[in-house]
Amino acid sequence: MKKINPIILIVIVLVGGFFAFKIMSFLGCYVRLEDAERCWKLTAW
């Protein structure tokens, strides 16, 4: 098995964490407001 470059691994973790944070923010907003379009605008930008 080839060893993964540590820099590539850090980038993957950061990007994955960023998208996980965006998804959790959207879901939390949707649970409170129940307005998907408004929540999408708030969390996407």
N, C-alpha and C. Protein backbone atom coordinates (compact mmCIF):
# COMPACT_ATOMS: atom_id res chain seq x y z
N MET A 1 0.83 -1.19 0.00
CA MET A 1 0.00 0.00 0.00
C MET A 1 0.88 1.25 0.00
N LYS A 2 0.56 2.17 -0.88
CA LYS A 2 1.35 3.39 -1.00
C LYS A 2 1.02 4.36 0.13
N LYS A 3 2.04 4.98 0.66
CA LYS A 3 1.84 5.94 1.74
C LYS A 3 1.31 7.26 1.17
N ILE A 4 0.30 7.84 1.85
CA ILE A 4 -0.30 9.09 1.38
C ILE A 4 0.54 10.27 1.85
N ASN A 5 0.74 11.21 0.95
CA ASN A 5 1.48 12.42 1.27
C ASN A 5 0.75 13.18 2.39
N PRO A 6 1.43 13.56 3.48
CA PRO A 6 0.77 14.24 4.59
C PRO A 6 0.09 15.55 4.19
N ILE A 7 0.64 16.27 3.23
CA ILE A 7 0.04 17.54 2.80
C ILE A 7 -1.30 17.26 2.11
N ILE A 8 -1.34 16.23 1.27
CA ILE A 8 -2.58 15.84 0.59
C ILE A 8 -3.62 15.44 1.63
N LEU A 9 -3.20 14.69 2.64
CA LEU A 9 -4.10 14.24 3.70
C LEU A 9 -4.69 15.43 4.46
N ILE A 10 -3.87 16.42 4.77
CA ILE A 10 -4.34 17.62 5.47
C ILE A 10 -5.36 18.37 4.62
N VAL A 11 -5.09 18.50 3.32
CA VAL A 11 -6.02 19.18 2.42
C VAL A 11 -7.36 18.44 2.37
N ILE A 12 -7.33 17.12 2.28
CA ILE A 12 -8.56 16.32 2.24
C ILE A 12 -9.36 16.51 3.52
N VAL A 13 -8.68 16.48 4.67
CA VAL A 13 -9.37 16.65 5.95
C VAL A 13 -9.99 18.05 6.06
N LEU A 14 -9.26 19.08 5.64
CA LEU A 14 -9.79 20.45 5.71
C LEU A 14 -10.99 20.64 4.80
N VAL A 15 -10.91 20.15 3.57
CA VAL A 15 -12.02 20.29 2.63
C VAL A 15 -13.22 19.49 3.12
N GLY A 16 -12.99 18.27 3.59
CA GLY A 16 -14.08 17.45 4.12
C GLY A 16 -14.73 18.10 5.33
N GLY A 17 -13.93 18.67 6.21
CA GLY A 17 -14.46 19.35 7.38
C GLY A 17 -15.25 20.59 7.01
N PHE A 18 -14.80 21.31 6.00
CA PHE A 18 -15.51 22.50 5.54
C PHE A 18 -16.90 22.13 5.04
N PHE A 19 -16.98 21.08 4.19
CA PHE A 19 -18.28 20.68 3.66
C PHE A 19 -19.17 20.09 4.75
N ALA A 20 -18.59 19.36 5.70
CA ALA A 20 -19.38 18.83 6.81
C ALA A 20 -19.96 19.98 7.64
N PHE A 21 -19.17 21.03 7.87
CA PHE A 21 -19.65 22.20 8.61
C PHE A 21 -20.79 22.88 7.86
N LYS A 22 -20.66 23.03 6.54
CA LYS A 22 -21.71 23.66 5.73
C LYS A 22 -23.01 22.85 5.81
N ILE A 23 -22.89 21.52 5.70
CA ILE A 23 -24.08 20.66 5.75
C ILE A 23 -24.74 20.75 7.12
N MET A 24 -23.96 20.72 8.19
CA MET A 24 -24.53 20.79 9.54
C MET A 24 -25.16 22.17 9.77
N SER A 25 -24.56 23.23 9.26
CA SER A 25 -25.14 24.57 9.39
C SER A 25 -26.48 24.64 8.67
N PHE A 26 -26.53 24.08 7.47
CA PHE A 26 -27.78 24.09 6.71
C PHE A 26 -28.86 23.30 7.44
N LEU A 27 -28.52 22.12 7.94
CA LEU A 27 -29.51 21.30 8.64
C LEU A 27 -30.00 21.98 9.91
N GLY A 28 -29.10 22.59 10.66
CA GLY A 28 -29.50 23.31 11.87
C GLY A 28 -30.42 24.48 11.56
N CYS A 29 -30.10 25.20 10.50
CA CYS A 29 -30.94 26.33 10.09
C CYS A 29 -32.31 25.82 9.63
N TYR A 30 -32.32 24.73 8.87
CA TYR A 30 -33.57 24.19 8.34
C TYR A 30 -34.49 23.71 9.46
N VAL A 31 -33.91 23.11 10.49
CA VAL A 31 -34.71 22.64 11.63
C VAL A 31 -35.37 23.81 12.35
N ARG A 32 -34.64 24.92 12.47
CA ARG A 32 -35.20 26.08 13.18
C ARG A 32 -36.21 26.84 12.33
N LEU A 33 -35.86 27.15 11.08
CA LEU A 33 -36.69 28.04 10.26
C LEU A 33 -37.66 27.32 9.33
N GLU A 34 -37.32 26.08 8.98
CA GLU A 34 -38.11 25.28 8.03
C GLU A 34 -38.32 26.01 6.71
N ASP A 35 -37.30 26.72 6.26
CA ASP A 35 -37.34 27.42 4.99
C ASP A 35 -36.04 27.09 4.24
N ALA A 36 -36.10 26.08 3.39
CA ALA A 36 -34.89 25.57 2.75
C ALA A 36 -34.21 26.62 1.88
N GLU A 37 -34.99 27.40 1.15
CA GLU A 37 -34.40 28.38 0.23
C GLU A 37 -33.62 29.45 0.99
N ARG A 38 -34.19 29.96 2.08
CA ARG A 38 -33.50 30.99 2.87
C ARG A 38 -32.26 30.41 3.53
N CYS A 39 -32.36 29.20 4.05
CA CYS A 39 -31.20 28.57 4.69
C CYS A 39 -30.09 28.32 3.68
N TRP A 40 -30.46 27.93 2.46
CA TRP A 40 -29.46 27.68 1.42
C TRP A 40 -28.68 28.97 1.14
N LYS A 41 -29.41 30.10 1.06
CA LYS A 41 -28.74 31.39 0.81
C LYS A 41 -27.83 31.76 1.97
N LEU A 42 -28.26 31.48 3.20
CA LEU A 42 -27.44 31.84 4.36
C LEU A 42 -26.19 30.98 4.47
N THR A 43 -26.31 29.68 4.19
CA THR A 43 -25.16 28.80 4.40
C THR A 43 -24.27 28.68 3.17
N ALA A 44 -24.81 28.92 1.98
CA ALA A 44 -24.01 28.77 0.76
C ALA A 44 -23.05 29.94 0.57
N TRP A 45 -23.39 31.11 1.06
CA TRP A 45 -22.53 32.28 0.85
C TRP A 45 -22.07 32.88 2.14
